[in-house]
């Protein structure tokens, strides 16, 4: 994915993961650089979709409100981003 700004092209690194979690579990995301971290539920309809986000952080602790499959999305301008995604059971 590329974004055009200031007459130049900026490449954005994207990391995606999917986790089956129980309500109350906490997703722990650690990155080597500041980035945007999003945790999105996989619900059937957009009205049920839930998104938890933090911006400009290198670490995030996000607690899921209900059981199900959750997608983790990390976006950063750093092409050599190091990261880890784990969770702490409720």
Protein backbone atom coordinates (compact mmCIF):
# COMPACT_ATOMS: atom_id res chain seq x y z
CA UNK A 1 0.00 0.00 0.00
CA UNK A 2 1.44 3.39 -0.96
CA UNK A 3 0.42 6.90 -0.03
CA UNK A 4 1.33 9.95 -2.09
CA UNK A 5 2.39 12.99 -0.08
CA UNK A 6 4.78 15.92 -0.55
CA UNK A 7 5.43 14.86 -4.18
CA UNK A 8 6.90 11.56 -2.96
CA UNK A 9 5.71 8.06 -2.27
CA UNK A 10 5.61 6.66 1.24
CA UNK A 11 5.42 2.89 1.67
CA UNK A 12 3.46 1.59 4.61
CA UNK A 13 4.25 -1.72 6.27
CA UNK A 14 1.18 -3.77 7.25
CA UNK A 15 1.09 -6.75 9.59
CA UNK A 16 -2.09 -8.82 9.92
CA UNK A 17 -2.97 -11.65 12.29
CA UNK A 18 -6.11 -13.46 13.38
CA UNK A 19 -6.69 -14.85 16.89
CA UNK A 20 -9.49 -16.87 18.50
CA UNK A 21 -9.98 -15.28 21.92
CA UNK A 22 -12.28 -15.43 24.92
CA UNK A 23 -13.96 -12.39 26.45
CA UNK A 24 -11.57 -10.72 28.90
CA UNK A 25 -8.39 -11.94 27.17
CA UNK A 26 -5.81 -9.19 26.64
CA UNK A 27 -3.92 -8.91 23.36
CA UNK A 28 -0.35 -7.66 23.81
CA UNK A 29 1.32 -6.03 20.80
CA UNK A 30 4.93 -4.85 20.88
CA UNK A 31 6.63 -3.05 17.99
CA UNK A 32 10.13 -1.75 17.37
CA UNK A 33 8.74 1.63 16.28
CA UNK A 34 5.66 3.77 16.86
CA UNK A 35 2.72 2.53 14.81
CA UNK A 36 -1.07 2.28 14.66
CA UNK A 37 -2.52 -0.88 16.19
CA UNK A 38 -6.09 -2.03 15.53
CA UNK A 39 -8.03 -4.97 16.98
CA UNK A 40 -11.21 -5.78 15.03
CA UNK A 41 -13.92 -8.32 15.73
CA UNK A 42 -15.09 -10.70 13.00
CA UNK A 43 -18.83 -10.21 13.45
CA UNK A 44 -21.45 -11.05 10.85
CA UNK A 45 -22.85 -7.54 10.32
CA UNK A 46 -21.19 -4.11 10.36
CA UNK A 47 -23.54 -3.06 13.18
CA UNK A 48 -21.92 -5.71 15.38
CA UNK A 49 -18.35 -4.90 14.31
CA UNK A 50 -16.13 -3.68 17.13
CA UNK A 51 -12.77 -1.94 16.65
CA UNK A 52 -10.24 -1.12 19.38
CA UNK A 53 -7.36 1.13 18.26
CA UNK A 54 -4.30 2.94 19.55
CA UNK A 55 -2.16 5.32 17.51
CA UNK A 56 1.47 6.38 17.76
CA UNK A 57 2.44 3.68 20.26
CA UNK A 58 5.07 0.96 20.24
CA UNK A 59 3.23 -1.20 22.83
CA UNK A 60 -0.47 -1.87 23.31
CA UNK A 61 -2.60 -3.91 25.69
CA UNK A 62 -6.13 -4.39 24.34
CA UNK A 63 -8.77 -6.40 26.23
CA UNK A 64 -11.44 -8.06 24.09
CA UNK A 65 -15.02 -7.61 25.31
CA UNK A 66 -16.38 -10.94 24.00
CA UNK A 67 -15.31 -14.33 22.69
CA UNK A 68 -14.69 -14.88 19.00
CA UNK A 69 -12.19 -14.34 16.22
CA UNK A 70 -10.32 -11.03 16.34
CA UNK A 71 -8.06 -9.55 13.68
CA UNK A 72 -4.92 -7.62 14.64
CA UNK A 73 -3.68 -4.99 12.19
CA UNK A 74 -0.43 -3.08 12.67
CA UNK A 75 0.47 -0.29 10.26
CA UNK A 76 3.75 1.58 10.28
CA UNK A 77 5.94 3.66 7.99
CA UNK A 78 8.92 1.56 9.06
CA UNK A 79 9.56 -1.12 6.39
CA UNK A 80 11.75 -3.14 8.78
CA UNK A 81 9.26 -3.20 11.65
CA UNK A 82 9.91 -5.88 14.27
CA UNK A 83 6.85 -6.96 16.21
CA UNK A 84 5.31 -9.55 18.49
CA UNK A 85 1.66 -10.38 19.05
CA UNK A 86 0.61 -12.45 22.05
CA UNK A 87 -2.25 -12.63 24.51
CA UNK A 88 -2.84 -13.04 28.22
CA UNK A 89 -5.82 -15.28 29.08
CA UNK A 90 -8.54 -13.78 31.27
